Amino acid sequence: MEFREHILPNGLEVVAECNAEARSTALGFFVKTGARDETDEVAGVSHFLEHMVFKGTPTRSADDVNREFDEMGAHYNAFTNEEHTVFHAAVLPEYLRPALGLLSDILRPSLRDDDFETEKKVIIEEIRMYADQPPFGADDHVRAAHFGRHPLGRSVLGTVQSITDLKVESMRDYFRRRYSPGNIALVAAGQVDFEALVAAAGECCGRWEPFEAGRKVERAAPHTGFECLLKESSTQEYVLQLANGPGATDDDRFAAKLLATILGDDSGSRLFWELVDPGLAESANLGHGDYEGTGLYMTYLSCEPEQTADNLRRVMEIYQGVEADGATAAELEQAKNKINSRVVLSSERPRGRLFNLGSNWTYRREYRSVKDDLDAVDAVTLDQLVAVLAKYPLTVSTTVAVGPLTEVDVG
C-alpha cells in the first residue's frame, strides 16, 4: 500500500491509496456539501442536486451517462448526507481514465429546466414514501428536535413544501456556491497509477473555476425532551433517541464506537440481551455517528405499543448502569473483536477503502491505514469508556416515539 496526494492549481485535492495487488479500482468525488450547508428556503437542494447531476451535461444526455457507465461494467452510484455529496464508481483498472472523465463531466451538469421539473416530482414522491414507511420520518423529527437551529437538524431530503417551492435558479446558485474544486476531493483506491490519475484529473478538472465555499462549524448543545407522534396505521411503536457524542475530529470517537457496540450492537450487546433476546422488542440498538464539530449517539427501539414504556425504562436503566459502573473487560474485548473484524472485512475491496479514505481526508485531512484504525481501537481502555461517558452522558437525550400511542409514561 502506498498513499499519495496532490493538489491541482485550482485547489482540487487528489488522494489515493495505491495497491499493486488489487484487481479493481474505486474512485469518487467527495464534495463537502450537504444538508447542513443549506437554508430553510433551499432545504433538500443538496440531495436534489445529486439527482440532477445524472440528468446530463453539455456533452452527454442522461442516457449517455448511464450507457457509458454500463459499457465499462462500472458499479456506480451517489449519495448525500448532512455533510457530503459523493459520486463514486468501481471499475476494472483499465477503465480508470474513462470513469474519471465521466464522473468529472457529470459534476458540471446542465441543470436544464425540464429535467428539474421532472425530477422535482420524483423527489417529492421520495419524501412522501419516506414519511409513509416505518419509522415514519421519526429520524428527521428527532434530529430537528435535538439540534434545534443547529445546521445538523436539517433533513437531507427537505420537505414537500421546500422542494415544491424550490426554483431551478436557486439550485444553480447553490451549485455555484458549493461545487468549488477547493471544496472537492478526488479519491481513489485499489490498483491506481497515481501519476496517470493526476494527469487525467488535470485534463478533466483543471479548468474548474475556484471560489470560496466555507462552512460554519459549531458544537451542538446538549438537549433533552420527549415527543409522542400519533401514527394510527402503525402496528408497532418506533422510538428514536439522540444524545450528543464525540465529533469527527475528537480522539475519543473510537471509545464512543466501542461503547455503542457494547451497549447496542445488533447481537451480543446489553440492549440485545435485555430486550431483543427475551422477545420484549423486535429491535433495540445504539450507534454512534460523527460530524464536523459534534457527534451523536442514536438509540433505536421498535416494539409492541404496550411494551414501549417498560422497554424505555429498561434502556434508561442500562445507560444509567454503565454510567455508574462502566463496562467490563470482557465486553470491551468482544467489542474490539467485532469492530476490528468489520474494519478488516470492509477493507478487502478497494470500494470499501475508498469510503474510509475519503471520509478521513475530508474530515481530518489525514491518511489512516487499516493498521492505524485497528491500533486505535485496540488502544482504547476501560478508563477511556468511563471518560467519554462522563463527557457525553447517554442519559441526556431527546426522544421521539412514533406509532399508535398518544402518550408514553416513562416515569
Protein backbone atom coordinates (compact mmCIF):
# COMPACT_ATOMS: atom_id res chain seq x y z
CA MET A 1 0.00 0.00 0.00
CA GLU A 2 1.18 3.50 -0.82
CA PHE A 3 -0.63 6.73 -0.02
CA ARG A 4 -0.22 9.61 -2.48
CA GLU A 5 -1.61 13.14 -2.57
CA HIS A 6 -1.53 16.08 -4.97
CA ILE A 7 -3.32 19.44 -5.23
CA LEU A 8 -4.17 20.88 -8.63
CA PRO A 9 -3.56 24.62 -9.15
CA ASN A 10 -7.30 25.29 -8.81
CA GLY A 11 -7.39 23.64 -5.36
CA LEU A 12 -8.82 20.20 -6.23
CA GLU A 13 -7.20 17.62 -3.97
CA VAL A 14 -6.28 14.23 -5.44
CA VAL A 15 -5.57 11.45 -2.94
CA ALA A 16 -5.13 7.74 -3.46
CA GLU A 17 -4.22 4.53 -1.69
CA CYS A 18 -2.36 2.58 -4.35
CA ASN A 19 -2.32 -1.20 -4.11
CA ALA A 20 -0.48 -3.01 -6.87
CA GLU A 21 -2.02 -6.32 -5.78
CA ALA A 22 -5.62 -5.12 -6.20
CA ARG A 23 -7.66 -6.32 -9.16
CA SER A 24 -10.02 -3.33 -9.30
CA THR A 25 -10.07 0.43 -8.88
CA ALA A 26 -12.54 2.58 -6.96
CA LEU A 27 -12.74 6.32 -7.36
CA GLY A 28 -15.05 9.09 -6.30
CA PHE A 29 -15.55 12.81 -5.95
CA PHE A 30 -16.23 13.76 -2.33
CA VAL A 31 -17.98 17.13 -2.33
CA LYS A 32 -18.04 18.85 1.05
CA THR A 33 -21.66 19.92 0.87
CA GLY A 34 -24.87 18.59 2.37
CA ALA A 35 -27.96 19.42 4.36
CA ARG A 36 -26.05 21.46 6.96
CA ASP A 37 -24.91 23.88 4.24
CA GLU A 38 -28.45 24.76 3.17
CA THR A 39 -31.01 27.32 4.35
CA ASP A 40 -34.71 26.89 5.09
CA GLU A 41 -35.51 28.28 1.65
CA VAL A 42 -33.49 25.61 -0.20
CA ALA A 43 -33.84 22.67 2.23
CA GLY A 44 -33.16 19.45 0.36
CA VAL A 45 -31.30 21.08 -2.54
CA SER A 46 -28.08 19.08 -1.98
CA HIS A 47 -29.88 15.77 -2.41
CA PHE A 48 -31.98 17.13 -5.29
CA LEU A 49 -28.78 18.31 -6.98
CA GLU A 50 -27.27 14.83 -6.59
CA HIS A 51 -30.17 13.51 -8.69
CA MET A 52 -29.79 16.27 -11.26
CA VAL A 53 -26.10 15.55 -11.80
CA PHE A 54 -27.09 12.32 -13.58
CA LYS A 55 -29.55 14.08 -15.88
CA GLY A 56 -26.96 15.14 -18.41
CA THR A 57 -24.19 17.58 -19.24
CA PRO A 58 -23.47 19.90 -22.17
CA THR A 59 -21.81 16.93 -23.92
CA ARG A 60 -23.85 13.95 -22.65
CA SER A 61 -27.52 13.11 -22.22
CA ALA A 62 -28.80 11.16 -19.20
CA ASP A 63 -28.95 8.07 -21.43
CA ASP A 64 -25.32 8.62 -22.44
CA VAL A 65 -24.22 8.78 -18.80
CA ASN A 66 -25.90 5.52 -17.85
CA ARG A 67 -24.90 3.76 -21.07
CA GLU A 68 -21.22 4.68 -20.71
CA PHE A 69 -21.08 3.52 -17.10
CA ASP A 70 -22.70 0.25 -18.15
CA GLU A 71 -20.29 -0.22 -21.04
CA MET A 72 -17.40 -0.06 -18.57
CA GLY A 73 -19.09 -2.59 -16.30
CA ALA A 74 -18.91 0.02 -13.56
CA HIS A 75 -20.60 -0.25 -10.18
CA TYR A 76 -21.57 3.38 -9.72
CA ASN A 77 -23.80 5.44 -7.50
CA ALA A 78 -24.05 8.61 -5.42
CA PHE A 79 -25.32 9.63 -2.01
CA THR A 80 -25.99 12.76 0.01
CA ASN A 81 -25.92 13.15 3.76
CA GLU A 82 -25.72 16.02 6.22
CA GLU A 83 -22.16 16.97 5.23
CA HIS A 84 -21.14 15.35 1.95
CA THR A 85 -22.33 14.51 -1.53
CA VAL A 86 -20.31 11.65 -3.03
CA PHE A 87 -20.24 10.38 -6.62
CA HIS A 88 -18.36 7.10 -6.99
CA ALA A 89 -17.62 4.17 -9.25
CA ALA A 90 -15.72 0.88 -9.04
CA VAL A 91 -14.20 -0.35 -12.30
CA LEU A 92 -11.50 -2.55 -13.72
CA PRO A 93 -8.16 -0.69 -13.68
CA GLU A 94 -8.11 -0.17 -17.45
CA TYR A 95 -11.28 1.95 -17.16
CA LEU A 96 -9.92 4.40 -14.60
CA ARG A 97 -9.42 7.17 -17.16
CA PRO A 98 -12.85 6.93 -18.86
CA ALA A 99 -14.57 6.55 -15.47
CA LEU A 100 -12.83 9.68 -14.23
CA GLY A 101 -13.78 11.50 -17.40
CA LEU A 102 -17.41 10.55 -17.00
CA LEU A 103 -17.60 11.37 -13.28
CA SER A 104 -15.89 14.72 -13.79
CA ASP A 105 -18.25 15.58 -16.64
CA ILE A 106 -21.41 14.95 -14.63
CA LEU A 107 -20.01 17.16 -11.87
CA ARG A 108 -20.56 20.01 -14.29
CA PRO A 109 -24.22 19.26 -15.12
CA SER A 110 -26.54 21.15 -17.43
CA LEU A 111 -29.30 21.62 -14.80
CA ARG A 112 -31.93 22.06 -17.51
CA ASP A 113 -35.37 23.45 -16.62
CA ASP A 114 -37.31 20.46 -18.00
CA ASP A 115 -35.16 17.94 -16.12
CA PHE A 116 -35.54 19.99 -12.95
CA GLU A 117 -39.34 19.99 -13.07
CA THR A 118 -39.47 16.26 -13.87
CA GLU A 119 -37.07 15.30 -11.10
CA LYS A 120 -38.87 17.54 -8.61
CA LYS A 121 -41.85 15.17 -8.81
CA VAL A 122 -39.54 12.21 -8.13
CA ILE A 123 -38.06 13.90 -5.06
CA ILE A 124 -41.47 14.82 -3.66
CA GLU A 125 -42.64 11.24 -4.11
CA GLU A 126 -39.48 10.04 -2.34
CA ILE A 127 -40.21 12.34 0.62
CA ARG A 128 -43.79 11.07 0.84
CA MET A 129 -42.70 7.46 0.59
CA TYR A 130 -40.11 8.01 3.30
CA ALA A 131 -42.76 9.54 5.59
CA ASP A 132 -45.09 6.59 4.92
CA GLN A 133 -42.63 3.86 5.90
CA PRO A 134 -41.50 2.90 9.41
CA PRO A 135 -40.26 4.71 11.38
CA PHE A 136 -42.37 7.28 9.53
CA GLY A 137 -39.83 10.09 9.38
CA ALA A 138 -39.02 9.84 13.08
CA ASP A 139 -35.28 10.24 12.46
CA ASP A 140 -35.79 13.61 10.75
CA HIS A 141 -38.15 14.68 13.51
CA VAL A 142 -35.82 13.71 16.36
CA ARG A 143 -32.88 15.44 14.65
CA ALA A 144 -34.89 18.64 14.33
CA ALA A 145 -35.97 18.41 17.96
CA HIS A 146 -32.49 17.60 19.27
CA PHE A 147 -30.40 20.01 17.22
CA GLY A 148 -32.90 22.86 17.01
CA ARG A 149 -31.42 25.67 14.89
CA HIS A 150 -28.06 23.90 14.59
CA PRO A 151 -27.43 23.06 10.90
CA LEU A 152 -27.32 19.32 11.63
CA GLY A 153 -31.02 19.47 12.42
CA ARG A 154 -31.88 19.82 8.73
CA SER A 155 -33.47 16.98 6.78
CA VAL A 156 -31.36 15.67 3.91
CA LEU A 157 -34.46 15.24 1.74
CA GLY A 158 -36.02 18.56 2.67
CA THR A 159 -39.80 18.86 2.89
CA VAL A 160 -42.59 18.64 0.33
CA GLN A 161 -43.03 22.39 0.74
CA SER A 162 -39.35 23.31 0.37
CA ILE A 163 -38.93 21.16 -2.74
CA THR A 164 -42.20 22.37 -4.25
CA ASP A 165 -41.10 25.99 -3.80
CA LEU A 166 -37.52 25.43 -4.97
CA LYS A 167 -36.58 27.20 -8.21
CA VAL A 168 -34.04 25.93 -10.70
CA GLU A 169 -32.07 29.17 -10.46
CA SER A 170 -31.77 28.66 -6.69
CA MET A 171 -30.26 25.25 -7.38
CA ARG A 172 -27.86 26.73 -9.92
CA ASP A 173 -26.84 29.37 -7.40
CA TYR A 174 -26.27 26.70 -4.74
CA PHE A 175 -24.14 24.73 -7.19
CA ARG A 176 -22.06 27.81 -7.99
CA ARG A 177 -21.51 28.43 -4.25
CA ARG A 178 -20.65 24.88 -3.15
CA TYR A 179 -19.09 22.89 -6.02
CA SER A 180 -15.74 24.66 -5.94
CA PRO A 181 -12.70 22.50 -6.77
CA GLY A 182 -11.26 23.52 -3.39
CA ASN A 183 -14.35 22.02 -1.75
CA ILE A 184 -13.94 18.68 -3.54
CA ALA A 185 -11.55 15.77 -3.14
CA LEU A 186 -10.92 13.20 -5.88
CA VAL A 187 -10.26 9.95 -4.03
CA ALA A 188 -9.09 6.61 -5.44
CA ALA A 189 -8.21 3.22 -4.01
CA GLY A 190 -7.03 -0.10 -5.39
CA GLN A 191 -4.87 -0.53 -8.46
CA VAL A 192 -4.10 3.11 -9.20
CA ASP A 193 -1.41 4.64 -11.41
CA PHE A 194 -1.17 7.87 -9.42
CA GLU A 195 0.75 9.91 -11.99
CA ALA A 196 -1.82 8.97 -14.63
CA LEU A 197 -4.64 9.81 -12.21
CA VAL A 198 -3.22 13.27 -11.52
CA ALA A 199 -2.66 13.91 -15.22
CA ALA A 200 -6.21 12.84 -16.03
CA ALA A 201 -7.57 14.98 -13.20
CA GLY A 202 -5.73 17.97 -14.61
CA GLU A 203 -7.22 17.34 -18.06
CA CYS A 204 -10.76 16.77 -16.79
CA CYS A 205 -10.99 19.15 -13.83
CA GLY A 206 -8.13 21.64 -14.24
CA ARG A 207 -10.38 24.28 -15.79
CA TRP A 208 -12.90 24.26 -12.96
CA GLU A 209 -13.03 27.79 -11.56
CA PRO A 210 -12.06 28.06 -7.87
CA PHE A 211 -14.02 30.12 -5.34
CA GLU A 212 -14.58 30.21 -1.60
CA ALA A 213 -17.00 27.64 -0.17
CA GLY A 214 -16.67 27.69 3.58
CA ARG A 215 -18.74 26.11 6.31
CA LYS A 216 -19.65 27.31 9.77
CA VAL A 217 -18.78 24.62 12.32
CA GLU A 218 -20.08 24.68 15.87
CA ARG A 219 -20.62 22.07 18.55
CA ALA A 220 -24.26 21.25 19.26
CA ALA A 221 -25.56 21.98 22.74
CA PRO A 222 -26.98 19.11 24.84
CA HIS A 223 -30.75 18.80 24.67
CA THR A 224 -33.48 16.85 26.47
CA GLY A 225 -37.10 16.31 25.56
CA PHE A 226 -39.79 13.75 24.76
CA GLU A 227 -42.39 13.80 21.98
CA CYS A 228 -45.05 11.27 21.09
CA LEU A 229 -46.32 11.41 17.49
CA LEU A 230 -49.51 9.59 16.53
CA LYS A 231 -49.38 7.26 13.51
CA GLU A 232 -52.65 5.33 13.56
CA SER A 233 -51.69 2.97 10.73
CA SER A 234 -48.63 1.70 12.60
CA THR A 235 -48.87 -1.65 14.39
CA GLN A 236 -45.67 -1.06 16.36
CA GLU A 237 -44.22 1.83 18.32
CA TYR A 238 -40.93 3.21 16.98
CA VAL A 239 -38.67 5.16 19.32
CA LEU A 240 -35.57 7.15 18.39
CA GLN A 241 -33.36 8.81 20.95
CA LEU A 242 -30.41 11.14 20.35
CA ALA A 243 -27.63 12.08 22.75
CA ASN A 244 -24.53 14.15 21.98
CA GLY A 245 -21.26 12.34 21.37
CA PRO A 246 -17.70 12.90 20.11
CA GLY A 247 -17.29 14.55 16.71
CA ALA A 248 -15.24 13.56 13.68
CA THR A 249 -12.05 15.22 14.89
CA ASP A 250 -12.32 14.08 18.52
CA ASP A 251 -9.82 11.45 19.65
CA ASP A 252 -12.44 9.75 21.82
CA ARG A 253 -14.59 8.82 18.81
CA PHE A 254 -13.06 5.31 18.92
CA ALA A 255 -14.11 4.88 22.54
CA ALA A 256 -17.60 6.07 21.60
CA LYS A 257 -17.92 3.47 18.85
CA LEU A 258 -16.77 0.72 21.20
CA LEU A 259 -19.24 1.89 23.82
CA ALA A 260 -22.08 1.81 21.26
CA THR A 261 -21.07 -1.73 20.30
CA ILE A 262 -21.03 -2.89 23.92
CA LEU A 263 -24.43 -1.40 24.67
CA GLY A 264 -26.32 -1.59 21.41
CA ASP A 265 -24.81 -3.83 18.75
CA ASP A 266 -27.46 -5.91 16.96
CA SER A 267 -26.17 -9.09 18.60
CA GLY A 268 -24.47 -9.82 21.90
CA SER A 269 -24.93 -6.34 23.38
CA ARG A 270 -26.66 -5.26 26.58
CA LEU A 271 -29.70 -3.98 24.69
CA PHE A 272 -29.88 -7.22 22.70
CA TRP A 273 -29.82 -9.49 25.75
CA GLU A 274 -32.15 -7.30 27.77
CA LEU A 275 -34.77 -6.53 25.11
CA VAL A 276 -34.44 -8.46 21.86
CA ASP A 277 -33.41 -11.93 23.01
CA PRO A 278 -36.30 -12.27 25.52
CA GLY A 279 -38.78 -11.02 22.91
CA LEU A 280 -39.60 -7.70 24.55
CA ALA A 281 -38.63 -5.74 21.43
CA GLU A 282 -38.27 -6.52 17.75
CA SER A 283 -35.13 -4.41 17.60
CA ALA A 284 -33.08 -2.32 20.01
CA ASN A 285 -29.70 -0.87 19.11
CA LEU A 286 -27.34 2.02 19.69
CA GLY A 287 -24.98 3.61 17.16
CA HIS A 288 -22.51 6.47 17.08
CA GLY A 289 -22.20 8.95 14.23
CA ASP A 290 -19.63 11.73 13.94
CA TYR A 291 -19.77 15.04 12.13
CA GLU A 292 -17.73 18.20 11.91
CA GLY A 293 -17.80 19.87 15.30
CA THR A 294 -20.12 17.39 17.00
CA GLY A 295 -21.36 13.82 17.10
CA LEU A 296 -24.31 11.85 18.34
CA TYR A 297 -25.50 8.56 19.72
CA MET A 298 -28.76 7.23 18.27
CA THR A 299 -30.85 4.65 20.10
CA TYR A 300 -33.45 2.85 18.01
CA LEU A 301 -36.26 0.77 19.51
CA SER A 302 -39.27 -0.93 17.93
CA CYS A 303 -41.74 -3.00 19.90
CA GLU A 304 -45.39 -3.72 20.66
CA PRO A 305 -47.04 -0.47 21.79
CA GLU A 306 -47.98 -1.79 25.22
CA GLN A 307 -44.34 -2.65 25.95
CA THR A 308 -42.94 0.76 24.99
CA ALA A 309 -42.89 2.42 28.40
CA ASP A 310 -41.32 -0.57 30.18
CA ASN A 311 -38.76 -1.00 27.41
CA LEU A 312 -37.75 2.66 27.56
CA ARG A 313 -37.28 2.33 31.31
CA ARG A 314 -35.07 -0.72 30.69
CA VAL A 315 -32.99 1.25 28.16
CA MET A 316 -32.52 4.08 30.64
CA GLU A 317 -31.54 1.62 33.38
CA ILE A 318 -28.88 0.14 31.09
CA TYR A 319 -27.48 3.58 30.33
CA GLN A 320 -27.57 4.65 33.96
CA GLY A 321 -25.83 1.40 34.92
CA VAL A 322 -22.95 1.84 32.51
CA GLU A 323 -22.54 5.49 33.53
CA ALA A 324 -22.31 4.40 37.15
CA ASP A 325 -20.25 1.21 36.84
CA GLY A 326 -18.59 1.28 33.42
CA ALA A 327 -18.13 -1.74 31.16
CA THR A 328 -16.30 -5.00 31.81
CA ALA A 329 -13.00 -6.13 30.33
CA ALA A 330 -14.79 -9.00 28.58
CA GLU A 331 -17.30 -6.63 26.99
CA LEU A 332 -14.54 -4.33 25.77
CA GLU A 333 -12.57 -7.22 24.27
CA GLN A 334 -15.62 -8.56 22.44
CA ALA A 335 -16.45 -5.10 21.08
CA LYS A 336 -12.89 -4.67 19.82
CA ASN A 337 -13.08 -8.00 18.03
CA LYS A 338 -16.35 -7.02 16.36
CA ILE A 339 -15.15 -3.62 15.18
CA ASN A 340 -11.75 -4.90 14.03
CA SER A 341 -13.42 -7.67 12.08
CA ARG A 342 -15.66 -5.15 10.32
CA VAL A 343 -12.71 -2.86 9.58
CA VAL A 344 -10.73 -5.68 8.00
CA LEU A 345 -13.61 -7.20 6.05
CA SER A 346 -14.71 -3.83 4.63
CA SER A 347 -11.14 -3.08 3.55
CA GLU A 348 -10.71 -6.17 1.40
CA ARG A 349 -12.20 -4.43 -1.63
CA PRO A 350 -10.98 -1.09 -2.99
CA ARG A 351 -14.54 0.21 -2.84
CA GLY A 352 -14.53 -0.28 0.95
CA ARG A 353 -11.21 1.52 1.28
CA LEU A 354 -12.49 4.36 -0.90
CA PHE A 355 -15.07 5.50 1.65
CA ASN A 356 -12.68 5.12 4.57
CA LEU A 357 -10.02 7.10 2.74
CA GLY A 358 -12.45 9.80 1.57
CA SER A 359 -14.02 10.22 4.99
CA ASN A 360 -10.67 10.53 6.78
CA TRP A 361 -9.39 13.02 4.25
CA THR A 362 -12.44 15.28 4.04
CA TYR A 363 -12.92 15.37 7.81
CA ARG A 364 -9.35 15.44 9.08
CA ARG A 365 -7.04 15.69 6.05
CA GLU A 366 -5.24 12.60 7.25
CA TYR A 367 -4.49 9.19 5.83
CA ARG A 368 -5.26 6.22 8.04
CA SER A 369 -4.24 2.71 7.04
CA VAL A 370 -6.18 -0.35 8.14
CA LYS A 371 -3.49 -0.93 10.77
CA ASP A 372 -3.91 2.63 12.09
CA ASP A 373 -7.61 2.01 12.71
CA LEU A 374 -7.00 -1.40 14.28
CA ASP A 375 -4.34 0.05 16.57
CA ALA A 376 -6.63 2.92 17.61
CA VAL A 377 -9.41 0.51 18.52
CA ASP A 378 -7.04 -1.82 20.39
CA ALA A 379 -5.62 1.09 22.40
CA VAL A 380 -8.96 2.06 23.98
CA THR A 381 -9.13 1.30 27.71
CA LEU A 382 -11.97 0.87 30.18
CA ASP A 383 -10.99 4.20 31.73
CA GLN A 384 -11.49 5.89 28.36
CA LEU A 385 -15.01 4.48 28.15
CA VAL A 386 -15.73 5.97 31.57
CA ALA A 387 -14.27 9.30 30.47
CA VAL A 388 -16.33 9.51 27.28
CA LEU A 389 -19.50 8.69 29.22
CA ALA A 390 -18.74 11.44 31.72
CA LYS A 391 -18.24 13.90 28.87
CA TYR A 392 -21.20 12.74 26.80
CA PRO A 393 -23.82 11.06 29.03
CA LEU A 394 -26.31 8.85 27.23
CA THR A 395 -28.96 9.81 29.77
CA VAL A 396 -29.07 13.41 28.48
CA SER A 397 -31.12 12.83 25.37
CA THR A 398 -34.00 13.77 23.09
CA THR A 399 -36.64 11.10 22.45
CA VAL A 400 -39.34 10.82 19.78
CA ALA A 401 -41.88 7.97 19.73
CA VAL A 402 -43.98 7.34 16.61
CA GLY A 403 -46.86 4.90 16.43
CA PRO A 404 -50.40 4.26 17.69
CA LEU A 405 -49.73 5.67 21.17
CA THR A 406 -50.71 9.23 22.06
CA GLU A 407 -48.54 9.22 25.17
CA VAL A 408 -45.85 7.12 26.80
CA ASP A 409 -45.42 7.16 30.56
CA VAL A 410 -41.71 6.67 31.25
CA GLY A 411 -41.91 7.87 34.85
